[in-house]
Every structure is written in structure tokens, then in C-alpha cells.
Amino acid sequence: MSTPDGDDGATSVPVSDEQAMVLDEASRQLELAVHDAQVAFDCIALGTLDRAHTNAITARTAADAAETLLRAVLGRMPEPPAGPVSEPPD
């Protein structure tokens, strides 16, 4: 299995069976993110802002999980979070 190499800069990456399973999970996480984002959108339209907020958070979490899985397959380490780094205790 490999991704198509088109004009958009996508890179072909051959994957093993284990990587294929990880990619399946990444796809599943993205589907969950889309669903939760749609629910959040609908909740905003209905005026249920607390539920919209909850679903927006779960959509973001699922998208972050998918990114982490994709980075693992591509062999990249996650970037450190932006902001100040706390010093270790003495």
C-alpha cells in the first residue's frame, strides 16, 4: 500500500502490515473527528453551546490522535508544544 504521488507534494510511502493497521486507526480517528465537528456545528445552530464545546474538544482530540499516528508511520517525532518550557525541580 502506498499513497499517490501527485502535484500536491504527497510522498509515496510503502507500508507494512503493522503500519497499515496504524493507518486504518488514523482513518478511524479522522472519521470520528469529522463526526464530532459536525455535531458541534449542529449544537451551535441549536444553541446548546455546552454540548458544542464538548464535541469540539473531542473532535480536536481525535484529529490530534490521527496526526500522532501518521507521524509514527512517517517516522517523525512530534513537535514540542509552543510556549515556555518549565525548568526541572532542583
PDB file of N, CA and C in Angstrom:
ATOM      1  N   MET A   1       0.852  -1.174   0.000  1.00  0.00           N
ATOM      2  CA  MET A   1       0.000   0.000   0.000  1.00  0.00           C
ATOM      3  C   MET A   1       0.887   1.223   0.000  1.00  0.00           C
ATOM      4  N   SER A   2       0.558   2.218  -0.818  1.00  0.00           N
ATOM      5  CA  SER A   2       1.307   3.464  -0.830  1.00  0.00           C
ATOM      6  C   SER A   2       0.371   4.595  -1.177  1.00  0.00           C
ATOM      7  N   THR A   3       0.795   5.792  -0.814  1.00  0.00           N
ATOM      8  CA  THR A   3      -0.015   6.955  -1.124  1.00  0.00           C
ATOM      9  C   THR A   3       0.372   7.475  -2.492  1.00  0.00           C
ATOM     10  N   PRO A   4      -0.565   8.029  -3.257  1.00  0.00           N
ATOM     11  CA  PRO A   4      -0.234   8.514  -4.594  1.00  0.00           C
ATOM     12  C   PRO A   4       0.700   9.713  -4.526  1.00  0.00           C
ATOM     13  N   ASP A   5       1.572   9.810  -5.508  1.00  0.00           N
ATOM     14  CA  ASP A   5       2.494  10.926  -5.570  1.00  0.00           C
ATOM     15  C   ASP A   5       1.996  11.880  -6.650  1.00  0.00           C
ATOM     16  N   GLY A   6       1.306  12.917  -6.233  1.00  0.00           N
ATOM     17  CA  GLY A   6       0.720  13.870  -7.166  1.00  0.00           C
ATOM     18  C   GLY A   6       1.420  15.214  -7.104  1.00  0.00           C
ATOM     19  N   ASP A   7       0.800  16.198  -7.684  1.00  0.00           N
ATOM     20  CA  ASP A   7       1.359  17.546  -7.714  1.00  0.00           C
ATOM     21  C   ASP A   7       1.279  18.240  -6.369  1.00  0.00           C
ATOM     22  N   ASP A   8       0.558  17.665  -5.423  1.00  0.00           N
ATOM     23  CA  ASP A   8       0.376  18.327  -4.137  1.00  0.00           C
ATOM     24  C   ASP A   8       1.522  18.073  -3.167  1.00  0.00           C
ATOM     25  N   GLY A   9       2.575  17.414  -3.604  1.00  0.00           N
ATOM     26  CA  GLY A   9       3.732  17.182  -2.748  1.00  0.00           C
ATOM     27  C   GLY A   9       3.620  15.941  -1.894  1.00  0.00           C
ATOM     28  N   ALA A  10       2.610  15.104  -2.111  1.00  0.00           N
ATOM     29  CA  ALA A  10       2.458  13.874  -1.341  1.00  0.00           C
ATOM     30  C   ALA A  10       3.620  12.937  -1.656  1.00  0.00           C
ATOM     31  N   THR A  11       4.037  12.196  -0.663  1.00  0.00           N
ATOM     32  CA  THR A  11       5.154  11.274  -0.809  1.00  0.00           C
ATOM     33  C   THR A  11       4.651   9.853  -0.773  1.00  0.00           C
ATOM     34  N   SER A  12       5.150   9.015  -1.683  1.00  0.00           N
ATOM     35  CA  SER A  12       4.808   7.595  -1.653  1.00  0.00           C
ATOM     36  C   SER A  12       5.576   6.924  -0.536  1.00  0.00           C
ATOM     37  N   VAL A  13       4.855   6.219   0.305  1.00  0.00           N
ATOM     38  CA  VAL A  13       5.477   5.545   1.441  1.00  0.00           C
ATOM     39  C   VAL A  13       4.962   4.115   1.476  1.00  0.00           C
ATOM     40  N   PRO A  14       5.831   3.119   1.199  1.00  0.00           N
ATOM     41  CA  PRO A  14       5.382   1.740   1.334  1.00  0.00           C
ATOM     42  C   PRO A  14       5.134   1.437   2.808  1.00  0.00           C
ATOM     43  N   VAL A  15       4.097   0.670   3.080  1.00  0.00           N
ATOM     44  CA  VAL A  15       3.765   0.395   4.472  1.00  0.00           C
ATOM     45  C   VAL A  15       3.707  -1.105   4.724  1.00  0.00           C
ATOM     46  N   SER A  16       4.069  -1.479   5.941  1.00  0.00           N
ATOM     47  CA  SER A  16       3.984  -2.876   6.369  1.00  0.00           C
ATOM     48  C   SER A  16       2.566  -3.146   6.872  1.00  0.00           C
ATOM     49  N   ASP A  17       2.312  -4.391   7.243  1.00  0.00           N
ATOM     50  CA  ASP A  17       1.006  -4.746   7.795  1.00  0.00           C
ATOM     51  C   ASP A  17       0.728  -3.967   9.075  1.00  0.00           C
ATOM     52  N   GLU A  18       1.749  -3.819   9.916  1.00  0.00           N
ATOM     53  CA  GLU A  18       1.572  -3.067  11.166  1.00  0.00           C
ATOM     54  C   GLU A  18       1.261  -1.605  10.866  1.00  0.00           C
ATOM     55  N   GLN A  19       1.981  -1.030   9.910  1.00  0.00           N
ATOM     56  CA  GLN A  19       1.720   0.362   9.544  1.00  0.00           C
ATOM     57  C   GLN A  19       0.340   0.515   8.925  1.00  0.00           C
ATOM     58  N   ALA A  20      -0.099  -0.486   8.165  1.00  0.00           N
ATOM     59  CA  ALA A  20      -1.444  -0.438   7.573  1.00  0.00           C
ATOM     60  C   ALA A  20      -2.503  -0.399   8.668  1.00  0.00           C
ATOM     61  N   MET A  21      -2.277  -1.154   9.750  1.00  0.00           N
ATOM     62  CA  MET A  21      -3.209  -1.135  10.872  1.00  0.00           C
ATOM     63  C   MET A  21      -3.224   0.237  11.529  1.00  0.00           C
ATOM     64  N   VAL A  22      -2.048   0.849  11.659  1.00  0.00           N
ATOM     65  CA  VAL A  22      -1.963   2.183  12.246  1.00  0.00           C
ATOM     66  C   VAL A  22      -2.669   3.198  11.349  1.00  0.00           C
ATOM     67  N   LEU A  23      -2.502   3.066  10.036  1.00  0.00           N
ATOM     68  CA  LEU A  23      -3.182   3.969   9.109  1.00  0.00           C
ATOM     69  C   LEU A  23      -4.694   3.784   9.160  1.00  0.00           C
ATOM     70  N   ASP A  24      -5.149   2.549   9.329  1.00  0.00           N
ATOM     71  CA  ASP A  24      -6.587   2.307   9.493  1.00  0.00           C
ATOM     72  C   ASP A  24      -7.112   3.021  10.736  1.00  0.00           C
ATOM     73  N   GLU A  25      -6.345   2.955  11.818  1.00  0.00           N
ATOM     74  CA  GLU A  25      -6.757   3.632  13.050  1.00  0.00           C
ATOM     75  C   GLU A  25      -6.736   5.146  12.860  1.00  0.00           C
ATOM     76  N   ALA A  26      -5.743   5.665  12.135  1.00  0.00           N
ATOM     77  CA  ALA A  26      -5.700   7.103  11.858  1.00  0.00           C
ATOM     78  C   ALA A  26      -6.929   7.518  11.060  1.00  0.00           C
ATOM     79  N   SER A  27      -7.316   6.705  10.084  1.00  0.00           N
ATOM     80  CA  SER A  27      -8.531   6.990   9.304  1.00  0.00           C
ATOM     81  C   SER A  27      -9.765   6.988  10.196  1.00  0.00           C
ATOM     82  N   ARG A  28      -9.825   6.029  11.091  1.00  0.00           N
ATOM     83  CA  ARG A  28     -10.967   5.947  12.000  1.00  0.00           C
ATOM     84  C   ARG A  28     -11.034   7.177  12.903  1.00  0.00           C
ATOM     85  N   GLN A  29      -9.885   7.609  13.392  1.00  0.00           N
ATOM     86  CA  GLN A  29      -9.841   8.806  14.237  1.00  0.00           C
ATOM     87  C   GLN A  29     -10.297  10.044  13.464  1.00  0.00           C
ATOM     88  N   LEU A  30      -9.892  10.138  12.199  1.00  0.00           N
ATOM     89  CA  LEU A  30     -10.321  11.286  11.393  1.00  0.00           C
ATOM     90  C   LEU A  30     -11.825  11.246  11.139  1.00  0.00           C
ATOM     91  N   GLU A  31     -12.378  10.055  10.933  1.00  0.00           N
ATOM     92  CA  GLU A  31     -13.833   9.947  10.775  1.00  0.00           C
ATOM     93  C   GLU A  31     -14.546  10.389  12.050  1.00  0.00           C
ATOM     94  N   LEU A  32     -14.004  10.004  13.202  1.00  0.00           N
ATOM     95  CA  LEU A  32     -14.581  10.452  14.468  1.00  0.00           C
ATOM     96  C   LEU A  32     -14.488  11.957  14.617  1.00  0.00           C
ATOM     97  N   ALA A  33     -13.360  12.530  14.205  1.00  0.00           N
ATOM     98  CA  ALA A  33     -13.182  13.979  14.297  1.00  0.00           C
ATOM     99  C   ALA A  33     -14.204  14.706  13.437  1.00  0.00           C
ATOM    100  N   VAL A  34     -14.426  14.202  12.219  1.00  0.00           N
ATOM    101  CA  VAL A  34     -15.416  14.817  11.330  1.00  0.00           C
ATOM    102  C   VAL A  34     -16.805  14.740  11.956  1.00  0.00           C
ATOM    103  N   HIS A  35     -17.153  13.579  12.498  1.00  0.00           N
ATOM    104  CA  HIS A  35     -18.465  13.412  13.119  1.00  0.00           C
ATOM    105  C   HIS A  35     -18.640  14.372  14.290  1.00  0.00           C
ATOM    106  N   ASP A  36     -17.648  14.417  15.179  1.00  0.00           N
ATOM    107  CA  ASP A  36     -17.754  15.281  16.351  1.00  0.00           C
ATOM    108  C   ASP A  36     -17.797  16.753  15.963  1.00  0.00           C
ATOM    109  N   ALA A  37     -17.060  17.133  14.922  1.00  0.00           N
ATOM    110  CA  ALA A  37     -17.107  18.514  14.453  1.00  0.00           C
ATOM    111  C   ALA A  37     -18.490  18.852  13.900  1.00  0.00           C
ATOM    112  N   GLN A  38     -19.107  17.911  13.176  1.00  0.00           N
ATOM    113  CA  GLN A  38     -20.456  18.138  12.650  1.00  0.00           C
ATOM    114  C   GLN A  38     -21.465  18.264  13.784  1.00  0.00           C
ATOM    115  N   VAL A  39     -21.331  17.417  14.807  1.00  0.00           N
ATOM    116  CA  VAL A  39     -22.222  17.510  15.961  1.00  0.00           C
ATOM    117  C   VAL A  39     -22.041  18.862  16.647  1.00  0.00           C
ATOM    118  N   ALA A  40     -20.803  19.315  16.799  1.00  0.00           N
ATOM    119  CA  ALA A  40     -20.549  20.623  17.413  1.00  0.00           C
ATOM    120  C   ALA A  40     -21.206  21.733  16.598  1.00  0.00           C
ATOM    121  N   PHE A  41     -21.071  21.656  15.286  1.00  0.00           N
ATOM    122  CA  PHE A  41     -21.684  22.636  14.393  1.00  0.00           C
ATOM    123  C   PHE A  41     -23.199  22.656  14.589  1.00  0.00           C
ATOM    124  N   ASP A  42     -23.803  21.478  14.601  1.00  0.00           N
ATOM    125  CA  ASP A  42     -25.255  21.387  14.776  1.00  0.00           C
ATOM    126  C   ASP A  42     -25.687  21.909  16.145  1.00  0.00           C
ATOM    127  N   CYS A  43     -24.898  21.608  17.171  1.00  0.00           N
ATOM    128  CA  CYS A  43     -25.228  22.084  18.519  1.00  0.00           C
ATOM    129  C   CYS A  43     -25.180  23.609  18.602  1.00  0.00           C
ATOM    130  N   ILE A  44     -24.239  24.209  17.909  1.00  0.00           N
ATOM    131  CA  ILE A  44     -24.175  25.673  17.881  1.00  0.00           C
ATOM    132  C   ILE A  44     -25.459  26.225  17.256  1.00  0.00           C
ATOM    133  N   ALA A  45     -25.871  25.625  16.146  1.00  0.00           N
ATOM    134  CA  ALA A  45     -27.097  26.068  15.475  1.00  0.00           C
ATOM    135  C   ALA A  45     -28.318  25.909  16.381  1.00  0.00           C
ATOM    136  N   LEU A  46     -28.305  24.887  17.239  1.00  0.00           N
ATOM    137  CA  LEU A  46     -29.428  24.641  18.141  1.00  0.00           C
ATOM    138  C   LEU A  46     -29.319  25.426  19.445  1.00  0.00           C
ATOM    139  N   GLY A  47     -28.174  26.080  19.650  1.00  0.00           N
ATOM    140  CA  GLY A  47     -27.999  26.876  20.861  1.00  0.00           C
ATOM    141  C   GLY A  47     -27.541  26.102  22.072  1.00  0.00           C
ATOM    142  N   THR A  48     -27.131  24.852  21.899  1.00  0.00           N
ATOM    143  CA  THR A  48     -26.635  24.060  23.030  1.00  0.00           C
ATOM    144  C   THR A  48     -25.110  24.175  23.058  1.00  0.00           C
ATOM    145  N   LEU A  49     -24.651  25.300  23.570  1.00  0.00           N
ATOM    146  CA  LEU A  49     -23.235  25.633  23.490  1.00  0.00           C
ATOM    147  C   LEU A  49     -22.344  24.737  24.339  1.00  0.00           C
ATOM    148  N   ASP A  50     -22.848  24.269  25.491  1.00  0.00           N
ATOM    149  CA  ASP A  50     -22.032  23.384  26.324  1.00  0.00           C
ATOM    150  C   ASP A  50     -21.735  22.081  25.583  1.00  0.00           C
ATOM    151  N   ARG A  51     -22.754  21.514  24.938  1.00  0.00           N
ATOM    152  CA  ARG A  51     -22.563  20.277  24.164  1.00  0.00           C
ATOM    153  C   ARG A  51     -21.680  20.552  22.938  1.00  0.00           C
ATOM    154  N   ALA A  52     -21.842  21.726  22.324  1.00  0.00           N
ATOM    155  CA  ALA A  52     -21.000  22.088  21.176  1.00  0.00           C
ATOM    156  C   ALA A  52     -19.535  22.138  21.603  1.00  0.00           C
ATOM    157  N   HIS A  53     -19.291  22.722  22.759  1.00  0.00           N
ATOM    158  CA  HIS A  53     -17.921  22.831  23.270  1.00  0.00           C
ATOM    159  C   HIS A  53     -17.326  21.453  23.518  1.00  0.00           C
ATOM    160  N   THR A  54     -18.087  20.581  24.140  1.00  0.00           N
ATOM    161  CA  THR A  54     -17.618  19.221  24.408  1.00  0.00           C
ATOM    162  C   THR A  54     -17.252  18.497  23.118  1.00  0.00           C
ATOM    163  N   ASN A  55     -18.120  18.597  22.114  1.00  0.00           N
ATOM    164  CA  ASN A  55     -17.860  17.914  20.851  1.00  0.00           C
ATOM    165  C   ASN A  55     -16.711  18.553  20.072  1.00  0.00           C
ATOM    166  N   ALA A  56     -16.524  19.849  20.205  1.00  0.00           N
ATOM    167  CA  ALA A  56     -15.375  20.497  19.569  1.00  0.00           C
ATOM    168  C   ALA A  56     -14.073  19.978  20.180  1.00  0.00           C
ATOM    169  N   ILE A  57     -14.076  19.783  21.492  1.00  0.00           N
ATOM    170  CA  ILE A  57     -12.881  19.260  22.169  1.00  0.00           C
ATOM    171  C   ILE A  57     -12.602  17.827  21.726  1.00  0.00           C
ATOM    172  N   THR A  58     -13.649  16.989  21.657  1.00  0.00           N
ATOM    173  CA  THR A  58     -13.419  15.606  21.253  1.00  0.00           C
ATOM    174  C   THR A  58     -13.015  15.522  19.778  1.00  0.00           C
ATOM    175  N   ALA A  59     -13.507  16.440  18.947  1.00  0.00           N
ATOM    176  CA  ALA A  59     -13.081  16.477  17.537  1.00  0.00           C
ATOM    177  C   ALA A  59     -11.598  16.800  17.458  1.00  0.00           C
ATOM    178  N   ARG A  60     -11.165  17.770  18.227  1.00  0.00           N
ATOM    179  CA  ARG A  60      -9.751  18.158  18.235  1.00  0.00           C
ATOM    180  C   ARG A  60      -8.882  17.011  18.749  1.00  0.00           C
ATOM    181  N   THR A  61      -9.344  16.331  19.778  1.00  0.00           N
ATOM    182  CA  THR A  61      -8.588  15.211  20.334  1.00  0.00           C
ATOM    183  C   THR A  61      -8.429  14.090  19.318  1.00  0.00           C
ATOM    184  N   ALA A  62      -9.495  13.779  18.598  1.00  0.00           N
ATOM    185  CA  ALA A  62      -9.426  12.728  17.580  1.00  0.00           C
ATOM    186  C   ALA A  62      -8.492  13.134  16.435  1.00  0.00           C
ATOM    187  N   ALA A  63      -8.541  14.396  16.023  1.00  0.00           N
ATOM    188  CA  ALA A  63      -7.652  14.867  14.959  1.00  0.00           C
ATOM    189  C   ALA A  63      -6.190  14.812  15.418  1.00  0.00           C
ATOM    190  N   ASP A  64      -5.939  15.186  16.666  1.00  0.00           N
ATOM    191  CA  ASP A  64      -4.579  15.108  17.215  1.00  0.00           C
ATOM    192  C   ASP A  64      -4.091  13.654  17.261  1.00  0.00           C
ATOM    193  N   ALA A  65      -4.980  12.741  17.629  1.00  0.00           N
ATOM    194  CA  ALA A  65      -4.608  11.321  17.666  1.00  0.00           C
ATOM    195  C   ALA A  65      -4.250  10.825  16.273  1.00  0.00           C
ATOM    196  N   ALA A  66      -5.023  11.230  15.280  1.00  0.00           N
ATOM    197  CA  ALA A  66      -4.731  10.832  13.896  1.00  0.00           C
ATOM    198  C   ALA A  66      -3.381  11.379  13.455  1.00  0.00           C
ATOM    199  N   GLU A  67      -3.088  12.622  13.808  1.00  0.00           N
ATOM    200  CA  GLU A  67      -1.793  13.202  13.440  1.00  0.00           C
ATOM    201  C   GLU A  67      -0.650  12.442  14.096  1.00  0.00           C
ATOM    202  N   THR A  68      -0.802  12.095  15.347  1.00  0.00           N
ATOM    203  CA  THR A  68       0.236  11.343  16.060  1.00  0.00           C
ATOM    204  C   THR A  68       0.488   9.995  15.390  1.00  0.00           C
ATOM    205  N   LEU A  69      -0.592   9.321  15.006  1.00  0.00           N
ATOM    206  CA  LEU A  69      -0.449   8.031  14.329  1.00  0.00           C
ATOM    207  C   LEU A  69       0.247   8.191  12.979  1.00  0.00           C
ATOM    208  N   LEU A  70      -0.122   9.210  12.231  1.00  0.00           N
ATOM    209  CA  LEU A  70       0.517   9.444  10.935  1.00  0.00           C
ATOM    210  C   LEU A  70       1.996   9.776  11.095  1.00  0.00           C
ATOM    211  N   ARG A  71       2.323  10.566  12.110  1.00  0.00           N
ATOM    212  CA  ARG A  71       3.735  10.880  12.363  1.00  0.00           C
ATOM    213  C   ARG A  71       4.520   9.605  12.688  1.00  0.00           C
ATOM    214  N   ALA A  72       3.891   8.689  13.415  1.00  0.00           N
ATOM    215  CA  ALA A  72       4.563   7.430  13.755  1.00  0.00           C
ATOM    216  C   ALA A  72       4.866   6.632  12.493  1.00  0.00           C
ATOM    217  N   VAL A  73       3.909   6.572  11.583  1.00  0.00           N
ATOM    218  CA  VAL A  73       4.127   5.832  10.337  1.00  0.00           C
ATOM    219  C   VAL A  73       5.206   6.493   9.498  1.00  0.00           C
ATOM    220  N   LEU A  74       5.206   7.824   9.485  1.00  0.00           N
ATOM    221  CA  LEU A  74       6.204   8.553   8.695  1.00  0.00           C
ATOM    222  C   LEU A  74       7.563   8.612   9.387  1.00  0.00           C
ATOM    223  N   GLY A  75       7.604   8.180  10.650  1.00  0.00           N
ATOM    224  CA  GLY A  75       8.863   8.150  11.375  1.00  0.00           C
ATOM    225  C   GLY A  75       9.315   9.506  11.874  1.00  0.00           C
ATOM    226  N   ARG A  76       8.367  10.390  12.102  1.00  0.00           N
ATOM    227  CA  ARG A  76       8.696  11.728  12.590  1.00  0.00           C
ATOM    228  C   ARG A  76       8.302  11.846  14.042  1.00  0.00           C
ATOM    229  N   MET A  77       9.110  12.591  14.762  1.00  0.00           N
ATOM    230  CA  MET A  77       8.791  12.849  16.156  1.00  0.00           C
ATOM    231  C   MET A  77       7.828  14.026  16.228  1.00  0.00           C
ATOM    232  N   PRO A  78       6.890  14.018  17.174  1.00  0.00           N
ATOM    233  CA  PRO A  78       6.004  15.167  17.336  1.00  0.00           C
ATOM    234  C   PRO A  78       6.801  16.411  17.700  1.00  0.00           C
ATOM    235  N   GLU A  79       6.337  17.554  17.207  1.00  0.00           N
ATOM    236  CA  GLU A  79       6.993  18.804  17.545  1.00  0.00           C
ATOM    237  C   GLU A  79       6.661  19.162  18.984  1.00  0.00           C
ATOM    238  N   PRO A  80       7.619  19.771  19.684  1.00  0.00           N
ATOM    239  CA  PRO A  80       7.327  20.162  21.063  1.00  0.00           C
ATOM    240  C   PRO A  80       6.268  21.251  21.086  1.00  0.00           C
ATOM    241  N   PRO A  81       5.471  21.312  22.139  1.00  0.00           N
ATOM    242  CA  PRO A  81       4.449  22.331  22.222  1.00  0.00           C
ATOM    243  C   PRO A  81       5.073  23.726  22.295  1.00  0.00           C
ATOM    244  N   ALA A  82       4.371  24.690  21.744  1.00  0.00           N
ATOM    245  CA  ALA A  82       4.857  26.071  21.790  1.00  0.00           C
ATOM    246  C   ALA A  82       4.703  26.603  23.208  1.00  0.00           C
ATOM    247  N   GLY A  83       5.516  27.551  23.543  1.00  0.00           N
ATOM    248  CA  GLY A  83       5.399  28.174  24.865  1.00  0.00           C
ATOM    249  C   GLY A  83       6.630  27.904  25.693  1.00  0.00           C
ATOM    250  N   PRO A  84       6.627  28.484  26.878  1.00  0.00           N
ATOM    251  CA  PRO A  84       7.798  28.334  27.759  1.00  0.00           C
ATOM    252  C   PRO A  84       7.942  26.903  28.254  1.00  0.00           C
ATOM    253  N   VAL A  85       9.171  26.507  28.416  1.00  0.00           N
ATOM    254  CA  VAL A  85       9.475  25.182  28.946  1.00  0.00           C
ATOM    255  C   VAL A  85       9.804  25.330  30.416  1.00  0.00           C
ATOM    256  N   SER A  86       9.134  24.544  31.230  1.00  0.00           N
ATOM    257  CA  SER A  86       9.373  24.642  32.667  1.00  0.00           C
ATOM    258  C   SER A  86      10.713  23.999  33.008  1.00  0.00           C
ATOM    259  N   GLU A  87      11.369  24.582  33.954  1.00  0.00           N
ATOM    260  CA  GLU A  87      12.658  24.079  34.423  1.00  0.00           C
ATOM    261  C   GLU A  87      12.442  22.893  35.340  1.00  0.00           C
ATOM    262  N   PRO A  88      13.333  21.888  35.282  1.00  0.00           N
ATOM    263  CA  PRO A  88      13.190  20.763  36.206  1.00  0.00           C
ATOM    264  C   PRO A  88      13.432  21.216  37.642  1.00  0.00           C
ATOM    265  N   PRO A  89      12.769  20.567  38.592  1.00  0.00           N
ATOM    266  CA  PRO A  89      12.956  20.955  40.004  1.00  0.00           C
ATOM    267  C   PRO A  89      14.384  20.626  40.462  1.00  0.00           C
ATOM    268  N   ASP A  90      14.855  21.417  41.413  1.00  0.00           N
ATOM    269  CA  ASP A  90      16.212  21.215  41.962  1.00  0.00           C
ATOM    270  C   ASP A  90      16.252  20.068  42.920  1.00  0.00           C
TER     271      ASP A  90
END
